[in-house]
Every structure is written in structure tokens, then in C-alpha cells.
Amino acid sequence: MKLILAIAASEVLDTVTRALVEHNYPVTQISSMGGFLRRGSTTLMIGVDAPQVAGVLTTIRAAVPTTPRANNEHYVTLFVLDAAQFVQV
């Protein structure tokens, strides 16, 4: 099991979330703040089986504009983590 954390800028949040849901990837949104300018962003948590990671990353990349953002900032920052345990109650 893998946990993907995607820290998304507000201007791509809806597009990225919609694309993930359309591809049946489970996603949870958490409001967050960070970076040099302390701008608001949203952290998406996506839990998938290891073979699905490539599909999630491809879906996110396809949902993000190809034009650069102001000041060379990223639209989405991704972390792929091993999930030691997954429990639903």
C-alpha cells in the first residue's frame, strides 16, 4: 500500500481532484499552508496499491497546465510514501 501526498496550488485543485475521482482514485483533501510566502494550498491524500502509483501520478500530471507558473513555482508537489498499515473502521 502507498500513500501519495499531493500538495496542490489552489488554481489546479479542482482540476486535479476531479481527474482523480473520474479515474476512481480515493482522495481526501486537507487545507494546508506553507512555503516561503505562506500561501494557502491543499494537501491531497491518496491511498492506493503500489501498482496504481504510476496511474495516479500520470493522472495528476495530465491535469496540471503545461504553462509555467509565476516565479517558477510548482503547481503540485508529490510525495509517495510506504503505508505500513491500512485500517478502516
Protein backbone atom coordinates (compact mmCIF):
# COMPACT_ATOMS: atom_id res chain seq x y z
CA MET A 1 0.00 0.00 0.00
CA LYS A 2 1.22 3.50 -0.84
CA LEU A 3 0.18 6.92 0.42
CA ILE A 4 0.60 9.76 -2.04
CA LEU A 5 0.63 13.27 -0.63
CA ALA A 6 -0.01 15.87 -3.32
CA ILE A 7 0.34 19.49 -2.19
CA ALA A 8 -1.66 21.38 -4.80
CA ALA A 9 -1.91 25.08 -5.57
CA SER A 10 -5.43 26.48 -5.40
CA GLU A 11 -5.64 27.17 -9.15
CA VAL A 12 -5.28 23.47 -10.04
CA LEU A 13 -7.01 21.88 -7.05
CA ASP A 14 -10.44 21.36 -8.64
CA THR A 15 -9.00 20.02 -11.89
CA VAL A 16 -6.65 17.59 -10.15
CA THR A 17 -9.28 16.38 -7.68
CA ARG A 18 -11.86 15.91 -10.44
CA ALA A 19 -9.39 13.92 -12.56
CA LEU A 20 -8.52 11.62 -9.63
CA VAL A 21 -12.20 10.98 -8.83
CA GLU A 22 -13.00 10.32 -12.52
CA HIS A 23 -10.27 7.65 -12.51
CA ASN A 24 -11.71 6.14 -9.31
CA TYR A 25 -8.76 7.03 -7.08
CA PRO A 26 -9.76 7.72 -3.48
CA VAL A 27 -8.76 11.23 -2.42
CA THR A 28 -9.05 13.24 0.80
CA GLN A 29 -8.43 16.99 0.94
CA ILE A 30 -6.75 18.78 3.86
CA SER A 31 -6.23 22.56 3.89
CA SER A 32 -2.60 23.49 4.47
CA MET A 33 -0.25 26.44 4.40
CA GLY A 34 3.46 26.63 3.76
CA GLY A 35 6.30 27.76 1.59
CA PHE A 36 8.26 30.96 1.60
CA LEU A 37 5.24 33.22 1.15
CA ARG A 38 3.00 31.12 3.44
CA ARG A 39 0.42 30.75 0.69
CA GLY A 40 -2.58 28.56 1.22
CA SER A 41 -2.67 25.25 -0.54
CA THR A 42 -4.43 21.94 -0.19
CA THR A 43 -2.84 18.60 0.58
CA LEU A 44 -4.47 15.66 -1.15
CA MET A 45 -4.06 12.24 0.45
CA ILE A 46 -4.40 9.34 -1.98
CA GLY A 47 -4.10 5.76 -0.74
CA VAL A 48 -3.57 3.13 -3.44
CA ASP A 49 -1.93 -0.23 -4.04
CA ALA A 50 1.66 0.00 -5.28
CA PRO A 51 0.84 -0.88 -8.92
CA GLN A 52 -1.59 2.07 -9.08
CA VAL A 53 1.01 4.74 -8.19
CA ALA A 54 2.10 5.32 -11.79
CA GLY A 55 -1.53 5.83 -12.86
CA VAL A 56 -2.15 8.37 -10.08
CA LEU A 57 0.99 10.33 -10.98
CA THR A 58 0.07 10.28 -14.67
CA THR A 59 -3.46 11.48 -13.87
CA ILE A 60 -2.14 14.36 -11.76
CA ARG A 61 0.44 15.40 -14.37
CA ALA A 62 -2.22 15.37 -17.11
CA ALA A 63 -4.49 17.64 -15.02
CA VAL A 64 -1.82 20.31 -14.49
CA PRO A 65 -1.23 23.06 -17.08
CA THR A 66 1.90 22.82 -19.19
CA THR A 67 2.48 26.57 -18.95
CA PRO A 68 4.86 27.59 -16.16
CA ARG A 69 3.52 29.24 -13.04
CA ALA A 70 4.68 32.70 -11.91
CA ASN A 71 8.12 32.76 -10.28
CA ASN A 72 8.76 29.18 -11.48
CA GLU A 73 6.65 27.79 -8.63
CA HIS A 74 5.26 24.28 -8.93
CA TYR A 75 1.56 23.52 -9.33
CA VAL A 76 1.78 20.28 -7.34
CA THR A 77 4.45 18.76 -5.10
CA LEU A 78 4.20 14.98 -4.74
CA PHE A 79 5.42 12.59 -2.07
CA VAL A 80 4.99 8.81 -2.41
CA LEU A 81 5.23 7.02 0.93
CA ASP A 82 5.02 3.41 2.03
CA ALA A 83 1.95 2.82 4.19
CA ALA A 84 2.90 0.29 6.84
CA GLN A 85 -0.72 -0.40 7.70
CA PHE A 86 -4.15 0.44 6.30
CA VAL A 87 -7.17 0.06 8.57
CA GLN A 88 -10.79 1.11 8.05
CA VAL A 89 -13.18 1.04 11.00
